[in-house]
Amino acid sequence: MTAPDHEHHEHHGPRGEPAPRAGELSVRDRALLALERRSHAGPGAKERAIREELGISPVRYYQLLNALIDDERALRDDPVTVNRLRRVRDAKRGRR
């Protein structure tokens, strides 16, 4: 029996990030969830973090995040955050 081959070649996405393997979230998707998990002190702190760390506008961030919380891979990766975001969204929809 031979040892498993641990060498693998990563494919890279359009921004040079490693492309996700089947069934896994992208680097950007993980970064969105990680930023959402953190607490942000003071007004504007979260928006500043979105621009500085992710390089996107807050509007784009929320568009991506809203799509991401419907992704079953995100639910598997971070069920606590995704379920909290789904509850918040559903509560907002209920008030309209």
PDB file of N, CA and C in Angstrom:
ATOM      1  N   MET A   1       0.844  -1.179   0.000  1.00  0.00           N
ATOM      2  CA  MET A   1       0.000   0.000   0.000  1.00  0.00           C
ATOM      3  C   MET A   1       0.887   1.240   0.000  1.00  0.00           C
ATOM      4  N   THR A   2       0.608   2.156  -0.895  1.00  0.00           N
ATOM      5  CA  THR A   2       1.445   3.352  -0.997  1.00  0.00           C
ATOM      6  C   THR A   2       0.838   4.494  -0.194  1.00  0.00           C
ATOM      7  N   ALA A   3       1.680   5.434   0.170  1.00  0.00           N
ATOM      8  CA  ALA A   3       1.214   6.604   0.919  1.00  0.00           C
ATOM      9  C   ALA A   3       0.382   7.492   0.002  1.00  0.00           C
ATOM     10  N   PRO A   4      -0.637   8.123   0.553  1.00  0.00           N
ATOM     11  CA  PRO A   4      -1.464   9.001  -0.296  1.00  0.00           C
ATOM     12  C   PRO A   4      -0.649  10.183  -0.819  1.00  0.00           C
ATOM     13  N   ASP A   5      -0.963  10.599  -1.999  1.00  0.00           N
ATOM     14  CA  ASP A   5      -0.270  11.715  -2.620  1.00  0.00           C
ATOM     15  C   ASP A   5      -0.848  13.019  -2.078  1.00  0.00           C
ATOM     16  N   HIS A   6      -0.055  13.739  -1.278  1.00  0.00           N
ATOM     17  CA  HIS A   6      -0.552  14.966  -0.666  1.00  0.00           C
ATOM     18  C   HIS A   6      -0.352  16.182  -1.558  1.00  0.00           C
ATOM     19  N   GLU A   7       0.403  16.008  -2.627  1.00  0.00           N
ATOM     20  CA  GLU A   7       0.641  17.149  -3.500  1.00  0.00           C
ATOM     21  C   GLU A   7      -0.576  17.364  -4.373  1.00  0.00           C
ATOM     22  N   HIS A   8      -1.097  18.588  -4.344  1.00  0.00           N
ATOM     23  CA  HIS A   8      -2.210  18.905  -5.228  1.00  0.00           C
ATOM     24  C   HIS A   8      -1.996  20.289  -5.808  1.00  0.00           C
ATOM     25  N   HIS A   9      -2.579  20.517  -6.937  1.00  0.00           N
ATOM     26  CA  HIS A   9      -2.420  21.803  -7.613  1.00  0.00           C
ATOM     27  C   HIS A   9      -3.701  22.585  -7.415  1.00  0.00           C
ATOM     28  N   GLU A  10      -3.544  23.815  -6.896  1.00  0.00           N
ATOM     29  CA  GLU A  10      -4.719  24.646  -6.683  1.00  0.00           C
ATOM     30  C   GLU A  10      -5.012  25.431  -7.949  1.00  0.00           C
ATOM     31  N   HIS A  11      -6.277  25.528  -8.249  1.00  0.00           N
ATOM     32  CA  HIS A  11      -6.712  26.395  -9.337  1.00  0.00           C
ATOM     33  C   HIS A  11      -7.035  27.730  -8.703  1.00  0.00           C
ATOM     34  N   HIS A  12      -6.801  28.793  -9.449  1.00  0.00           N
ATOM     35  CA  HIS A  12      -7.036  30.110  -8.880  1.00  0.00           C
ATOM     36  C   HIS A  12      -8.174  30.807  -9.590  1.00  0.00           C
ATOM     37  N   GLY A  13      -8.966  31.533  -8.790  1.00  0.00           N
ATOM     38  CA  GLY A  13     -10.090  32.289  -9.318  1.00  0.00           C
ATOM     39  C   GLY A  13      -9.610  33.568  -9.982  1.00  0.00           C
ATOM     40  N   PRO A  14     -10.559  34.419 -10.382  1.00  0.00           N
ATOM     41  CA  PRO A  14     -10.224  35.618 -11.145  1.00  0.00           C
ATOM     42  C   PRO A  14      -9.358  36.616 -10.378  1.00  0.00           C
ATOM     43  N   ARG A  15      -9.403  36.622  -9.052  1.00  0.00           N
ATOM     44  CA  ARG A  15      -8.596  37.573  -8.292  1.00  0.00           C
ATOM     45  C   ARG A  15      -7.347  36.903  -7.703  1.00  0.00           C
ATOM     46  N   GLY A  16      -6.967  35.748  -8.232  1.00  0.00           N
ATOM     47  CA  GLY A  16      -5.779  35.079  -7.746  1.00  0.00           C
ATOM     48  C   GLY A  16      -6.006  34.282  -6.470  1.00  0.00           C
ATOM     49  N   GLU A  17      -7.268  34.222  -6.024  1.00  0.00           N
ATOM     50  CA  GLU A  17      -7.582  33.439  -4.827  1.00  0.00           C
ATOM     51  C   GLU A  17      -7.692  31.978  -5.233  1.00  0.00           C
ATOM     52  N   PRO A  18      -7.348  31.068  -4.336  1.00  0.00           N
ATOM     53  CA  PRO A  18      -7.562  29.658  -4.678  1.00  0.00           C
ATOM     54  C   PRO A  18      -9.043  29.417  -4.969  1.00  0.00           C
ATOM     55  N   ALA A  19      -9.328  28.725  -6.045  1.00  0.00           N
ATOM     56  CA  ALA A  19     -10.722  28.425  -6.372  1.00  0.00           C
ATOM     57  C   ALA A  19     -11.260  27.431  -5.342  1.00  0.00           C
ATOM     58  N   PRO A  20     -12.523  27.591  -4.953  1.00  0.00           N
ATOM     59  CA  PRO A  20     -13.065  26.665  -3.957  1.00  0.00           C
ATOM     60  C   PRO A  20     -13.200  25.263  -4.531  1.00  0.00           C
ATOM     61  N   ARG A  21     -13.037  24.278  -3.662  1.00  0.00           N
ATOM     62  CA  ARG A  21     -13.297  22.906  -4.083  1.00  0.00           C
ATOM     63  C   ARG A  21     -14.810  22.721  -4.121  1.00  0.00           C
ATOM     64  N   ALA A  22     -15.256  21.699  -4.797  1.00  0.00           N
ATOM     65  CA  ALA A  22     -16.687  21.442  -4.903  1.00  0.00           C
ATOM     66  C   ALA A  22     -17.298  21.373  -3.507  1.00  0.00           C
ATOM     67  N   GLY A  23     -18.388  22.086  -3.312  1.00  0.00           N
ATOM     68  CA  GLY A  23     -19.077  22.042  -2.037  1.00  0.00           C
ATOM     69  C   GLY A  23     -18.496  22.942  -0.966  1.00  0.00           C
ATOM     70  N   GLU A  24     -17.469  23.740  -1.305  1.00  0.00           N
ATOM     71  CA  GLU A  24     -16.868  24.639  -0.330  1.00  0.00           C
ATOM     72  C   GLU A  24     -17.104  26.090  -0.717  1.00  0.00           C
ATOM     73  N   LEU A  25     -17.086  26.947   0.283  1.00  0.00           N
ATOM     74  CA  LEU A  25     -17.244  28.374   0.041  1.00  0.00           C
ATOM     75  C   LEU A  25     -15.954  28.966  -0.504  1.00  0.00           C
ATOM     76  N   SER A  26     -16.084  30.054  -1.238  1.00  0.00           N
ATOM     77  CA  SER A  26     -14.904  30.752  -1.742  1.00  0.00           C
ATOM     78  C   SER A  26     -14.238  31.526  -0.604  1.00  0.00           C
ATOM     79  N   VAL A  27     -13.028  31.976  -0.857  1.00  0.00           N
ATOM     80  CA  VAL A  27     -12.297  32.781   0.120  1.00  0.00           C
ATOM     81  C   VAL A  27     -13.110  34.033   0.458  1.00  0.00           C
ATOM     82  N   ARG A  28     -13.673  34.669  -0.572  1.00  0.00           N
ATOM     83  CA  ARG A  28     -14.458  35.888  -0.333  1.00  0.00           C
ATOM     84  C   ARG A  28     -15.692  35.586   0.513  1.00  0.00           C
ATOM     85  N   ASP A  29     -16.382  34.493   0.226  1.00  0.00           N
ATOM     86  CA  ASP A  29     -17.574  34.149   1.012  1.00  0.00           C
ATOM     87  C   ASP A  29     -17.217  33.925   2.477  1.00  0.00           C
ATOM     88  N   ARG A  30     -16.105  33.252   2.716  1.00  0.00           N
ATOM     89  CA  ARG A  30     -15.653  33.038   4.097  1.00  0.00           C
ATOM     90  C   ARG A  30     -15.319  34.369   4.773  1.00  0.00           C
ATOM     91  N   ALA A  31     -14.721  35.277   4.004  1.00  0.00           N
ATOM     92  CA  ALA A  31     -14.367  36.591   4.546  1.00  0.00           C
ATOM     93  C   ALA A  31     -15.619  37.395   4.899  1.00  0.00           C
ATOM     94  N   LEU A  32     -16.655  37.278   4.082  1.00  0.00           N
ATOM     95  CA  LEU A  32     -17.921  37.964   4.381  1.00  0.00           C
ATOM     96  C   LEU A  32     -18.489  37.470   5.712  1.00  0.00           C
ATOM     97  N   LEU A  33     -18.521  36.159   5.873  1.00  0.00           N
ATOM     98  CA  LEU A  33     -19.060  35.592   7.118  1.00  0.00           C
ATOM     99  C   LEU A  33     -18.190  35.958   8.321  1.00  0.00           C
ATOM    100  N   ALA A  34     -16.880  35.960   8.122  1.00  0.00           N
ATOM    101  CA  ALA A  34     -15.977  36.307   9.223  1.00  0.00           C
ATOM    102  C   ALA A  34     -16.193  37.747   9.668  1.00  0.00           C
ATOM    103  N   LEU A  35     -16.362  38.655   8.704  1.00  0.00           N
ATOM    104  CA  LEU A  35     -16.583  40.053   9.054  1.00  0.00           C
ATOM    105  C   LEU A  35     -17.932  40.204   9.761  1.00  0.00           C
ATOM    106  N   GLU A  36     -18.910  39.462   9.312  1.00  0.00           N
ATOM    107  CA  GLU A  36     -20.250  39.540   9.899  1.00  0.00           C
ATOM    108  C   GLU A  36     -20.266  38.993  11.326  1.00  0.00           C
ATOM    109  N   ARG A  37     -19.378  38.064  11.655  1.00  0.00           N
ATOM    110  CA  ARG A  37     -19.315  37.490  13.011  1.00  0.00           C
ATOM    111  C   ARG A  37     -18.779  38.481  14.029  1.00  0.00           C
ATOM    112  N   ARG A  38     -17.935  39.411  13.557  1.00  0.00           N
ATOM    113  CA  ARG A  38     -17.290  40.335  14.489  1.00  0.00           C
ATOM    114  C   ARG A  38     -18.235  41.432  14.941  1.00  0.00           C
ATOM    115  N   SER A  39     -17.978  41.953  16.135  1.00  0.00           N
ATOM    116  CA  SER A  39     -18.730  43.130  16.569  1.00  0.00           C
ATOM    117  C   SER A  39     -17.908  44.351  16.171  1.00  0.00           C
ATOM    118  N   HIS A  40     -18.595  45.412  15.834  1.00  0.00           N
ATOM    119  CA  HIS A  40     -17.932  46.619  15.353  1.00  0.00           C
ATOM    120  C   HIS A  40     -18.277  47.775  16.275  1.00  0.00           C
ATOM    121  N   ALA A  41     -17.235  48.448  16.763  1.00  0.00           N
ATOM    122  CA  ALA A  41     -17.429  49.550  17.704  1.00  0.00           C
ATOM    123  C   ALA A  41     -17.668  50.853  16.953  1.00  0.00           C
ATOM    124  N   GLY A  42     -18.744  51.517  17.297  1.00  0.00           N
ATOM    125  CA  GLY A  42     -18.985  52.853  16.771  1.00  0.00           C
ATOM    126  C   GLY A  42     -19.606  52.875  15.391  1.00  0.00           C
ATOM    127  N   PRO A  43     -20.269  53.987  15.104  1.00  0.00           N
ATOM    128  CA  PRO A  43     -20.917  54.137  13.795  1.00  0.00           C
ATOM    129  C   PRO A  43     -19.877  54.198  12.676  1.00  0.00           C
ATOM    130  N   GLY A  44     -20.157  53.516  11.608  1.00  0.00           N
ATOM    131  CA  GLY A  44     -19.255  53.544  10.461  1.00  0.00           C
ATOM    132  C   GLY A  44     -18.102  52.557  10.520  1.00  0.00           C
ATOM    133  N   ALA A  45     -17.908  51.902  11.669  1.00  0.00           N
ATOM    134  CA  ALA A  45     -16.769  50.988  11.799  1.00  0.00           C
ATOM    135  C   ALA A  45     -16.914  49.782  10.872  1.00  0.00           C
ATOM    136  N   LYS A  46     -18.124  49.245  10.800  1.00  0.00           N
ATOM    137  CA  LYS A  46     -18.343  48.075   9.947  1.00  0.00           C
ATOM    138  C   LYS A  46     -18.168  48.439   8.470  1.00  0.00           C
ATOM    139  N   GLU A  47     -18.732  49.586   8.071  1.00  0.00           N
ATOM    140  CA  GLU A  47     -18.618  50.013   6.678  1.00  0.00           C
ATOM    141  C   GLU A  47     -17.151  50.241   6.304  1.00  0.00           C
ATOM    142  N   ARG A  48     -16.373  50.817   7.229  1.00  0.00           N
ATOM    143  CA  ARG A  48     -14.949  51.042   6.990  1.00  0.00           C
ATOM    144  C   ARG A  48     -14.222  49.703   6.835  1.00  0.00           C
ATOM    145  N   ALA A  49     -14.558  48.729   7.689  1.00  0.00           N
ATOM    146  CA  ALA A  49     -13.943  47.402   7.602  1.00  0.00           C
ATOM    147  C   ALA A  49     -14.282  46.724   6.275  1.00  0.00           C
ATOM    148  N   ILE A  50     -15.519  46.886   5.824  1.00  0.00           N
ATOM    149  CA  ILE A  50     -15.939  46.298   4.539  1.00  0.00           C
ATOM    150  C   ILE A  50     -15.076  46.856   3.412  1.00  0.00           C
ATOM    151  N   ARG A  51     -14.919  48.171   3.386  1.00  0.00           N
ATOM    152  CA  ARG A  51     -14.127  48.806   2.317  1.00  0.00           C
ATOM    153  C   ARG A  51     -12.648  48.422   2.402  1.00  0.00           C
ATOM    154  N   GLU A  52     -12.091  48.472   3.620  1.00  0.00           N
ATOM    155  CA  GLU A  52     -10.654  48.238   3.780  1.00  0.00           C
ATOM    156  C   GLU A  52     -10.269  46.770   3.631  1.00  0.00           C
ATOM    157  N   GLU A  53     -11.053  45.877   4.225  1.00  0.00           N
ATOM    158  CA  GLU A  53     -10.669  44.459   4.237  1.00  0.00           C
ATOM    159  C   GLU A  53     -11.140  43.694   3.009  1.00  0.00           C
ATOM    160  N   LEU A  54     -12.313  44.053   2.500  1.00  0.00           N
ATOM    161  CA  LEU A  54     -12.865  43.310   1.370  1.00  0.00           C
ATOM    162  C   LEU A  54     -12.734  44.057   0.047  1.00  0.00           C
ATOM    163  N   GLY A  55     -12.517  45.370   0.122  1.00  0.00           N
ATOM    164  CA  GLY A  55     -12.341  46.155  -1.094  1.00  0.00           C
ATOM    165  C   GLY A  55     -13.607  46.302  -1.915  1.00  0.00           C
ATOM    166  N   ILE A  56     -14.765  46.261  -1.245  1.00  0.00           N
ATOM    167  CA  ILE A  56     -16.038  46.431  -1.940  1.00  0.00           C
ATOM    168  C   ILE A  56     -16.872  47.467  -1.181  1.00  0.00           C
ATOM    169  N   SER A  57     -17.917  47.958  -1.820  1.00  0.00           N
ATOM    170  CA  SER A  57     -18.791  48.931  -1.164  1.00  0.00           C
ATOM    171  C   SER A  57     -19.720  48.204  -0.185  1.00  0.00           C
ATOM    172  N   PRO A  58     -20.188  48.911   0.832  1.00  0.00           N
ATOM    173  CA  PRO A  58     -21.156  48.286   1.749  1.00  0.00           C
ATOM    174  C   PRO A  58     -22.412  47.782   1.030  1.00  0.00           C
ATOM    175  N   VAL A  59     -22.872  48.506   0.017  1.00  0.00           N
ATOM    176  CA  VAL A  59     -24.052  48.054  -0.737  1.00  0.00           C
ATOM    177  C   VAL A  59     -23.778  46.689  -1.368  1.00  0.00           C
ATOM    178  N   ARG A  60     -22.613  46.552  -2.014  1.00  0.00           N
ATOM    179  CA  ARG A  60     -22.243  45.276  -2.642  1.00  0.00           C
ATOM    180  C   ARG A  60     -22.097  44.178  -1.583  1.00  0.00           C
ATOM    181  N   TYR A  61     -21.508  44.536  -0.436  1.00  0.00           N
ATOM    182  CA  TYR A  61     -21.337  43.585   0.664  1.00  0.00           C
ATOM    183  C   TYR A  61     -22.686  42.978   1.057  1.00  0.00           C
ATOM    184  N   TYR A  62     -23.683  43.844   1.255  1.00  0.00           N
ATOM    185  CA  TYR A  62     -24.986  43.343   1.687  1.00  0.00           C
ATOM    186  C   TYR A  62     -25.688  42.546   0.582  1.00  0.00           C
ATOM    187  N   GLN A  63     -25.447  42.904  -0.684  1.00  0.00           N
ATOM    188  CA  GLN A  63     -25.997  42.099  -1.790  1.00  0.00           C
ATOM    189  C   GLN A  63     -25.401  40.689  -1.757  1.00  0.00           C
ATOM    190  N   LEU A  64     -24.072  40.621  -1.620  1.00  0.00           N
ATOM    191  CA  LEU A  64     -23.394  39.323  -1.594  1.00  0.00           C
ATOM    192  C   LEU A  64     -23.799  38.517  -0.362  1.00  0.00           C
ATOM    193  N   LEU A  65     -23.865  39.190   0.788  1.00  0.00           N
ATOM    194  CA  LEU A  65     -24.218  38.518   2.027  1.00  0.00           C
ATOM    195  C   LEU A  65     -25.639  37.954   1.958  1.00  0.00           C
ATOM    196  N   ASN A  66     -26.558  38.722   1.388  1.00  0.00           N
ATOM    197  CA  ASN A  66     -27.944  38.283   1.281  1.00  0.00           C
ATOM    198  C   ASN A  66     -28.062  37.029   0.421  1.00  0.00           C
ATOM    199  N   ALA A  67     -27.290  36.976  -0.669  1.00  0.00           N
ATOM    200  CA  ALA A  67     -27.289  35.777  -1.509  1.00  0.00           C
ATOM    201  C   ALA A  67     -26.617  34.620  -0.773  1.00  0.00           C
ATOM    202  N   LEU A  68     -25.563  34.934  -0.034  1.00  0.00           N
ATOM    203  CA  LEU A  68     -24.781  33.906   0.644  1.00  0.00           C
ATOM    204  C   LEU A  68     -25.595  33.178   1.712  1.00  0.00           C
ATOM    205  N   ILE A  69     -26.469  33.895   2.416  1.00  0.00           N
ATOM    206  CA  ILE A  69     -27.198  33.228   3.503  1.00  0.00           C
ATOM    207  C   ILE A  69     -28.253  32.248   2.985  1.00  0.00           C
ATOM    208  N   ASP A  70     -28.506  32.273   1.676  1.00  0.00           N
ATOM    209  CA  ASP A  70     -29.381  31.261   1.076  1.00  0.00           C
ATOM    210  C   ASP A  70     -28.596  30.058   0.560  1.00  0.00           C
ATOM    211  N   ASP A  71     -27.272  30.120   0.653  1.00  0.00           N
ATOM    212  CA  ASP A  71     -26.395  29.062   0.146  1.00  0.00           C
ATOM    213  C   ASP A  71     -26.207  27.994   1.229  1.00  0.00           C
ATOM    214  N   GLU A  72     -26.541  26.767   0.886  1.00  0.00           N
ATOM    215  CA  GLU A  72     -26.431  25.675   1.866  1.00  0.00           C
ATOM    216  C   GLU A  72     -24.986  25.453   2.320  1.00  0.00           C
ATOM    217  N   ARG A  73     -24.018  25.770   1.456  1.00  0.00           N
ATOM    218  CA  ARG A  73     -22.611  25.638   1.856  1.00  0.00           C
ATOM    219  C   ARG A  73     -22.295  26.599   2.998  1.00  0.00           C
ATOM    220  N   ALA A  74     -22.864  27.799   2.935  1.00  0.00           N
ATOM    221  CA  ALA A  74     -22.643  28.783   4.005  1.00  0.00           C
ATOM    222  C   ALA A  74     -23.266  28.287   5.304  1.00  0.00           C
ATOM    223  N   LEU A  75     -24.440  27.691   5.201  1.00  0.00           N
ATOM    224  CA  LEU A  75     -25.110  27.154   6.387  1.00  0.00           C
ATOM    225  C   LEU A  75     -24.260  26.055   7.029  1.00  0.00           C
ATOM    226  N   ARG A  76     -23.666  25.194   6.209  1.00  0.00           N
ATOM    227  CA  ARG A  76     -22.788  24.143   6.744  1.00  0.00           C
ATOM    228  C   ARG A  76     -21.527  24.731   7.359  1.00  0.00           C
ATOM    229  N   ASP A  77     -20.988  25.777   6.736  1.00  0.00           N
ATOM    230  CA  ASP A  77     -19.722  26.364   7.168  1.00  0.00           C
ATOM    231  C   ASP A  77     -19.871  27.163   8.469  1.00  0.00           C
ATOM    232  N   ASP A  78     -20.975  27.900   8.598  1.00  0.00           N
ATOM    233  CA  ASP A  78     -21.156  28.785   9.759  1.00  0.00           C
ATOM    234  C   ASP A  78     -22.637  28.884  10.109  1.00  0.00           C
ATOM    235  N   PRO A  79     -23.213  27.789  10.660  1.00  0.00           N
ATOM    236  CA  PRO A  79     -24.652  27.772  10.910  1.00  0.00           C
ATOM    237  C   PRO A  79     -25.127  28.850  11.882  1.00  0.00           C
ATOM    238  N   VAL A  80     -24.328  29.191  12.874  1.00  0.00           N
ATOM    239  CA  VAL A  80     -24.758  30.191  13.860  1.00  0.00           C
ATOM    240  C   VAL A  80     -24.970  31.549  13.186  1.00  0.00           C
ATOM    241  N   THR A  81     -23.978  31.992  12.418  1.00  0.00           N
ATOM    242  CA  THR A  81     -24.079  33.292  11.755  1.00  0.00           C
ATOM    243  C   THR A  81     -25.171  33.289  10.702  1.00  0.00           C
ATOM    244  N   VAL A  82     -25.220  32.257   9.873  1.00  0.00           N
ATOM    245  CA  VAL A  82     -26.210  32.204   8.795  1.00  0.00           C
ATOM    246  C   VAL A  82     -27.631  32.163   9.355  1.00  0.00           C
ATOM    247  N   ASN A  83     -27.868  31.367  10.379  1.00  0.00           N
ATOM    248  CA  ASN A  83     -29.211  31.313  10.956  1.00  0.00           C
ATOM    249  C   ASN A  83     -29.602  32.641  11.597  1.00  0.00           C
ATOM    250  N   ARG A  84     -28.640  33.316  12.237  1.00  0.00           N
ATOM    251  CA  ARG A  84     -28.930  34.631  12.827  1.00  0.00           C
ATOM    252  C   ARG A  84     -29.305  35.622  11.725  1.00  0.00           C
ATOM    253  N   LEU A  85     -28.542  35.632  10.634  1.00  0.00           N
ATOM    254  CA  LEU A  85     -28.830  36.543   9.534  1.00  0.00           C
ATOM    255  C   LEU A  85     -30.172  36.234   8.879  1.00  0.00           C
ATOM    256  N   ARG A  86     -30.498  34.952   8.764  1.00  0.00           N
ATOM    257  CA  ARG A  86     -31.807  34.577   8.200  1.00  0.00           C
ATOM    258  C   ARG A  86     -32.944  35.061   9.091  1.00  0.00           C
ATOM    259  N   ARG A  87     -32.762  34.928  10.426  1.00  0.00           N
ATOM    260  CA  ARG A  87     -33.807  35.407  11.349  1.00  0.00           C
ATOM    261  C   ARG A  87     -34.003  36.910  11.237  1.00  0.00           C
ATOM    262  N   VAL A  88     -32.895  37.644  11.153  1.00  0.00           N
ATOM    263  CA  VAL A  88     -32.966  39.104  11.022  1.00  0.00           C
ATOM    264  C   VAL A  88     -33.687  39.472   9.726  1.00  0.00           C
ATOM    265  N   ARG A  89     -33.310  38.830   8.636  1.00  0.00           N
ATOM    266  CA  ARG A  89     -33.939  39.127   7.335  1.00  0.00           C
ATOM    267  C   ARG A  89     -35.419  38.793   7.368  1.00  0.00           C
ATOM    268  N   ASP A  90     -35.759  37.639   7.925  1.00  0.00           N
ATOM    269  CA  ASP A  90     -37.166  37.251   7.973  1.00  0.00           C
ATOM    270  C   ASP A  90     -37.978  38.203   8.831  1.00  0.00           C
ATOM    271  N   ALA A  91     -37.397  38.693   9.918  1.00  0.00           N
ATOM    272  CA  ALA A  91     -38.094  39.652  10.781  1.00  0.00           C
ATOM    273  C   ALA A  91     -38.337  40.954  10.033  1.00  0.00           C
ATOM    274  N   LYS A  92     -37.356  41.394   9.241  1.00  0.00           N
ATOM    275  CA  LYS A  92     -37.518  42.621   8.459  1.00  0.00           C
ATOM    276  C   LYS A  92     -38.602  42.447   7.400  1.00  0.00           C
ATOM    277  N   ARG A  93     -38.620  41.304   6.771  1.00  0.00           N
ATOM    278  CA  ARG A  93     -39.645  41.034   5.754  1.00  0.00           C
ATOM    279  C   ARG A  93     -41.038  41.017   6.375  1.00  0.00           C
ATOM    280  N   GLY A  94     -41.129  40.507   7.591  1.00  0.00           N
ATOM    281  CA  GLY A  94     -42.415  40.415   8.278  1.00  0.00           C
ATOM    282  C   GLY A  94     -42.980  41.775   8.643  1.00  0.00           C
ATOM    283  N   ARG A  95     -42.096  42.769   8.820  1.00  0.00           N
ATOM    284  CA  ARG A  95     -42.542  44.110   9.203  1.00  0.00           C
ATOM    285  C   ARG A  95     -43.001  44.925   8.009  1.00  0.00           C
ATOM    286  N   ARG A  96     -42.653  44.504   6.772  1.00  0.00           N
ATOM    287  CA  ARG A  96     -43.008  45.296   5.575  1.00  0.00           C
ATOM    288  C   ARG A  96     -44.469  45.161   5.249  1.00  0.00           C
TER     289      ARG A  96
END
